Amino acid sequence: MAPRSIWNGTITFGLVAVPVKLYTATESRTIHFHLVHARDGARIENRRICSKEDTEVPFKQVVKGYEVSEGKFVVLEPDEVKAAAGDRGKVVHLTDFVEAAAIDPVFFEKTYYAGSAAAKDAYRLLHEALRRTGRAGIGRFTFHDREYLVAVRALDDVIALHTLRFHDEVVDAGELEAGSPGKKPSEREVKMARSLVDSLHRRFKPDEYADTYRQAVLDLLKRKAAGEEIDLAAQEEPGHGDDLLAALKASVGARG
């Protein structure tokens, strides 16, 4: 079944308007487990209980509230939340264009495909301008009651829209309690490490990397469902030798 669009709107740059439909570009294949009762295997239910009346609340009576003070909540109606977004709920205004390669991957959050909804000439124009310049348009839009900073760039034959983290959402590496780095490596160690990296260099082909852990868990579930006893093998930790040069030499030697 063809994927359905999750948002219809317009990307603008200058006075040019590009109607688009947004599609999710990725999907999670994570294995999801349910909570069950260990004694009888029955599924655990999550119930909505009113803390004041101590009764179960039907879903249609549940609304979202913001706590302004202890125990006091302000509830906004869906139309009121939409009004707060202004035109950003339907329009992505590209205000700046930056080198796409200059955006550090730590800022990327989620990727969407922006397909052409109409005005295909305008869509093609924006795509070509982004592709030929190697730039990404930076803008904002509101989606699911949240404002996103976005980067719009050419990706193959479509336009990709990446939601970005705001700068204050990225943890400063300097604040980590990771300890101080070791001594500066010698030139010989650096050259040997580079030789190892060069020997492992290849063109990145995403389809060559499968989720082996997910498949192992699925196989385990299948075997256990069939009544097989599972033998838990001990996990071995990799060794941490102090002789870096010897480890590098052995690694490069193993690569021929």
Protein backbone atom coordinates (compact mmCIF):
# COMPACT_ATOMS: atom_id res chain seq x y z
CA MET A 1 0.00 0.00 0.00
CA ALA A 2 1.33 3.42 -0.96
CA PRO A 3 2.37 5.62 1.98
CA ARG A 4 -0.08 8.34 2.97
CA SER A 5 0.91 11.96 3.47
CA ILE A 6 0.95 13.13 7.08
CA TRP A 7 0.95 16.90 6.41
CA ASN A 8 -0.12 19.13 3.53
CA GLY A 9 1.30 22.61 3.29
CA THR A 10 3.54 25.01 1.40
CA ILE A 11 7.27 25.71 1.33
CA THR A 12 8.07 29.31 0.44
CA PHE A 13 11.31 31.04 -0.50
CA GLY A 14 11.03 34.69 -1.38
CA LEU A 15 7.70 35.08 -3.17
CA VAL A 16 7.81 31.56 -4.63
CA ALA A 17 5.30 29.09 -3.15
CA VAL A 18 5.79 25.33 -3.45
CA PRO A 19 2.80 23.19 -2.35
CA VAL A 20 4.01 19.90 -0.84
CA LYS A 21 2.80 16.76 0.88
CA LEU A 22 4.95 15.40 3.68
CA TYR A 23 5.70 11.68 3.97
CA THR A 24 7.66 9.82 6.62
CA ALA A 25 11.03 8.82 5.16
CA THR A 26 11.94 6.29 7.84
CA GLU A 27 10.17 3.59 9.85
CA SER A 28 11.14 1.90 13.08
CA ARG A 29 11.67 -1.86 12.98
CA THR A 30 12.24 -2.10 16.71
CA ILE A 31 10.79 -5.16 18.43
CA HIS A 32 8.14 -4.05 20.92
CA PHE A 33 7.40 -6.05 24.05
CA HIS A 34 4.16 -5.88 26.06
CA LEU A 35 3.90 -5.92 29.83
CA VAL A 36 2.52 -9.26 31.03
CA HIS A 37 1.91 -10.88 34.41
CA ALA A 38 4.79 -13.28 35.10
CA ARG A 39 2.56 -15.66 37.04
CA ASP A 40 -0.14 -16.32 34.43
CA GLY A 41 1.10 -14.60 31.24
CA ALA A 42 -1.90 -12.28 31.05
CA ARG A 43 -1.42 -8.83 29.59
CA ILE A 44 -1.14 -5.89 31.98
CA GLU A 45 -3.65 -3.08 31.39
CA ASN A 46 -2.90 0.60 31.89
CA ARG A 47 -5.95 2.38 33.27
CA ARG A 48 -6.65 6.14 33.47
CA ILE A 49 -7.49 6.89 37.11
CA CYS A 50 -8.63 10.31 38.34
CA SER A 51 -6.43 11.20 41.33
CA LYS A 52 -9.27 13.19 42.92
CA GLU A 53 -12.22 10.81 42.45
CA ASP A 54 -10.18 7.56 42.39
CA THR A 55 -12.28 6.32 39.46
CA GLU A 56 -11.42 5.19 35.94
CA VAL A 57 -11.84 7.97 33.34
CA PRO A 58 -13.10 7.29 29.78
CA PHE A 59 -10.61 8.33 27.11
CA LYS A 60 -13.02 10.91 25.62
CA GLN A 61 -12.95 12.79 28.94
CA VAL A 62 -9.14 13.05 29.00
CA VAL A 63 -7.60 16.36 27.90
CA LYS A 64 -4.09 17.80 28.02
CA GLY A 65 -3.35 20.38 30.68
CA TYR A 66 -0.32 22.51 31.57
CA GLU A 67 0.54 22.80 35.26
CA VAL A 68 0.90 26.53 36.07
CA SER A 69 1.23 25.92 39.81
CA GLU A 70 1.11 22.87 42.05
CA GLY A 71 -2.12 21.04 41.32
CA LYS A 72 -3.51 23.79 39.06
CA PHE A 73 -3.76 23.09 35.33
CA VAL A 74 -4.70 25.23 32.33
CA VAL A 75 -6.39 23.35 29.47
CA LEU A 76 -6.18 24.61 25.88
CA GLU A 77 -8.72 23.55 23.28
CA PRO A 78 -7.32 22.08 20.02
CA ASP A 79 -8.42 25.19 18.09
CA GLU A 80 -6.63 27.41 20.58
CA VAL A 81 -3.42 25.44 20.18
CA LYS A 82 -3.72 25.72 16.37
CA ALA A 83 -4.23 29.48 16.61
CA ALA A 84 -1.00 29.82 18.60
CA ALA A 85 0.92 28.34 15.66
CA GLY A 86 -0.22 31.05 13.23
CA ASP A 87 0.53 30.23 9.59
CA ARG A 88 3.40 27.94 10.59
CA GLY A 89 0.89 25.12 10.84
CA LYS A 90 0.57 25.19 7.06
CA VAL A 91 3.62 27.05 5.73
CA VAL A 92 7.38 26.49 5.95
CA HIS A 93 9.05 29.85 5.29
CA LEU A 94 12.68 29.32 4.21
CA THR A 95 14.49 32.37 5.60
CA ASP A 96 18.13 31.33 5.15
CA PHE A 97 20.17 29.07 2.88
CA VAL A 98 23.30 27.41 4.29
CA GLU A 99 25.81 24.84 3.07
CA ALA A 100 24.06 21.51 3.63
CA ALA A 101 27.34 19.81 4.50
CA ALA A 102 27.95 22.40 7.24
CA ILE A 103 25.02 21.15 9.36
CA ASP A 104 26.48 18.86 12.01
CA PRO A 105 24.63 15.49 12.08
CA VAL A 106 24.04 15.93 15.83
CA PHE A 107 21.33 18.46 14.94
CA PHE A 108 19.34 16.11 12.67
CA GLU A 109 16.27 14.59 14.32
CA LYS A 110 13.87 13.05 11.77
CA THR A 111 13.65 12.95 7.97
CA TYR A 112 10.59 13.38 5.77
CA TYR A 113 10.05 13.40 2.01
CA ALA A 114 8.34 16.54 0.73
CA GLY A 115 6.50 15.38 -2.38
CA SER A 116 5.03 17.72 -4.95
CA ALA A 117 1.34 18.46 -4.31
CA ALA A 118 0.79 20.93 -7.18
CA ALA A 119 2.76 23.64 -9.03
CA LYS A 120 5.28 21.03 -10.19
CA ASP A 121 7.36 23.68 -11.98
CA ALA A 122 7.95 25.52 -8.70
CA TYR A 123 8.82 22.23 -6.99
CA ARG A 124 11.36 21.38 -9.69
CA LEU A 125 12.82 24.88 -9.48
CA LEU A 126 13.44 24.63 -5.73
CA HIS A 127 14.86 21.12 -6.11
CA GLU A 128 17.32 22.21 -8.82
CA ALA A 129 18.38 25.33 -6.91
CA LEU A 130 19.14 23.26 -3.81
CA ARG A 131 20.89 20.49 -5.77
CA ARG A 132 23.13 22.78 -7.82
CA THR A 133 24.16 25.00 -4.92
CA GLY A 134 24.57 22.18 -2.38
CA ARG A 135 22.63 24.29 0.09
CA ALA A 136 19.79 23.65 2.49
CA GLY A 137 16.96 26.04 3.21
CA ILE A 138 16.39 26.76 6.90
CA GLY A 139 12.89 27.48 8.18
CA ARG A 140 10.33 26.62 10.83
CA PHE A 141 6.94 24.96 10.98
CA THR A 142 4.53 23.70 13.61
CA PHE A 143 3.58 20.04 13.60
CA HIS A 144 1.79 17.99 16.27
CA ASP A 145 1.66 20.95 18.67
CA ARG A 146 5.38 21.62 18.49
CA GLU A 147 7.54 24.06 16.55
CA TYR A 148 10.37 22.56 14.54
CA LEU A 149 13.45 24.08 13.04
CA VAL A 150 13.87 22.42 9.64
CA ALA A 151 16.44 22.02 6.89
CA VAL A 152 15.11 21.48 3.35
CA ARG A 153 17.52 19.98 0.80
CA ALA A 154 17.60 18.05 -2.47
CA LEU A 155 17.80 14.28 -2.02
CA ASP A 156 17.97 12.29 -5.26
CA ASP A 157 14.82 13.28 -7.18
CA VAL A 158 12.82 14.56 -4.22
CA ILE A 159 13.05 17.31 -1.65
CA ALA A 160 13.86 16.14 1.86
CA LEU A 161 12.76 17.97 5.00
CA HIS A 162 14.82 17.30 8.12
CA THR A 163 13.59 18.41 11.53
CA LEU A 164 16.51 19.82 13.51
CA ARG A 165 17.21 20.07 17.20
CA PHE A 166 17.51 23.60 18.56
CA HIS A 167 20.99 24.50 19.78
CA ASP A 168 19.98 24.36 23.45
CA GLU A 169 18.78 20.77 22.99
CA VAL A 170 22.30 19.56 22.16
CA VAL A 171 24.43 18.63 25.15
CA ASP A 172 27.79 20.40 25.26
CA ALA A 173 30.48 17.70 25.14
CA GLY A 174 32.59 19.86 27.43
CA GLU A 175 30.07 19.29 30.23
CA LEU A 176 30.54 15.53 30.25
CA GLU A 177 32.24 13.81 33.16
CA ALA A 178 34.17 11.57 30.81
CA GLY A 179 37.59 12.09 32.33
CA SER A 180 40.60 13.61 30.62
CA PRO A 181 41.99 12.05 27.42
CA GLY A 182 45.19 10.03 27.50
CA LYS A 183 48.61 11.20 26.40
CA LYS A 184 49.07 12.55 22.91
CA PRO A 185 49.72 9.71 20.44
CA SER A 186 53.09 9.48 18.73
CA GLU A 187 53.43 10.18 15.01
CA ARG A 188 54.17 6.50 14.45
CA GLU A 189 50.91 5.52 16.19
CA VAL A 190 48.94 8.08 14.17
CA LYS A 191 50.45 6.82 10.88
CA MET A 192 49.69 3.23 11.81
CA ALA A 193 46.11 4.14 12.83
CA ARG A 194 45.65 5.93 9.52
CA SER A 195 46.92 2.87 7.66
CA LEU A 196 44.35 0.76 9.48
CA VAL A 197 41.56 3.25 8.67
CA ASP A 198 42.66 3.37 5.01
CA SER A 199 42.67 -0.42 4.79
CA LEU A 200 39.08 -0.49 6.06
CA HIS A 201 37.90 2.31 3.76
CA ARG A 202 35.09 1.53 1.34
CA ARG A 203 32.11 3.20 -0.27
CA PHE A 204 29.11 3.41 2.08
CA LYS A 205 26.31 1.10 0.93
CA PRO A 206 23.40 1.20 3.43
CA ASP A 207 21.82 -2.03 2.17
CA GLU A 208 24.89 -3.99 3.30
CA TYR A 209 24.20 -3.24 6.98
CA ALA A 210 21.34 -5.25 8.50
CA ASP A 211 19.99 -5.20 12.05
CA THR A 212 21.55 -8.48 13.21
CA TYR A 213 20.50 -7.97 16.84
CA ARG A 214 16.82 -7.64 15.86
CA GLN A 215 17.03 -10.83 13.80
CA ALA A 216 18.75 -12.66 16.67
CA VAL A 217 15.95 -11.65 19.08
CA LEU A 218 13.27 -12.77 16.57
CA ASP A 219 15.03 -16.11 16.17
CA LEU A 220 15.24 -16.45 19.95
CA LEU A 221 11.52 -15.71 20.32
CA LYS A 222 10.69 -18.28 17.66
CA ARG A 223 12.81 -20.96 19.32
CA LYS A 224 11.40 -20.24 22.78
CA ALA A 225 7.80 -20.26 21.44
CA ALA A 226 8.53 -23.74 20.07
CA GLY A 227 9.49 -24.91 23.56
CA GLU A 228 13.25 -24.97 23.08
CA GLU A 229 15.48 -24.49 26.13
CA ILE A 230 17.74 -21.46 25.63
CA ASP A 231 21.41 -21.84 26.58
CA LEU A 232 22.76 -18.45 27.69
CA ALA A 233 26.37 -18.18 26.60
CA ALA A 234 28.64 -15.93 28.66
CA GLN A 235 29.47 -12.60 27.04
CA GLU A 236 33.19 -11.86 26.71
CA GLU A 237 34.46 -8.34 27.14
CA PRO A 238 37.08 -7.16 24.61
CA GLY A 239 40.58 -6.84 25.99
CA HIS A 240 42.08 -3.42 26.73
CA GLY A 241 45.82 -3.73 26.23
CA ASP A 242 48.19 -0.87 27.03
CA ASP A 243 50.45 -1.37 23.99
CA LEU A 244 48.61 0.63 21.33
CA LEU A 245 51.36 0.28 18.74
CA ALA A 246 51.38 -3.52 19.05
CA ALA A 247 47.58 -3.61 18.67
CA LEU A 248 47.79 -1.36 15.60
CA LYS A 249 50.52 -3.47 14.01
CA ALA A 250 48.54 -6.67 14.57
CA SER A 251 45.40 -5.04 13.14
CA VAL A 252 47.14 -3.76 10.02
CA GLY A 253 48.90 -7.11 9.63
CA ALA A 254 45.59 -8.93 9.78
CA ARG A 255 44.37 -6.72 6.91
CA GLY A 256 47.36 -7.78 4.81
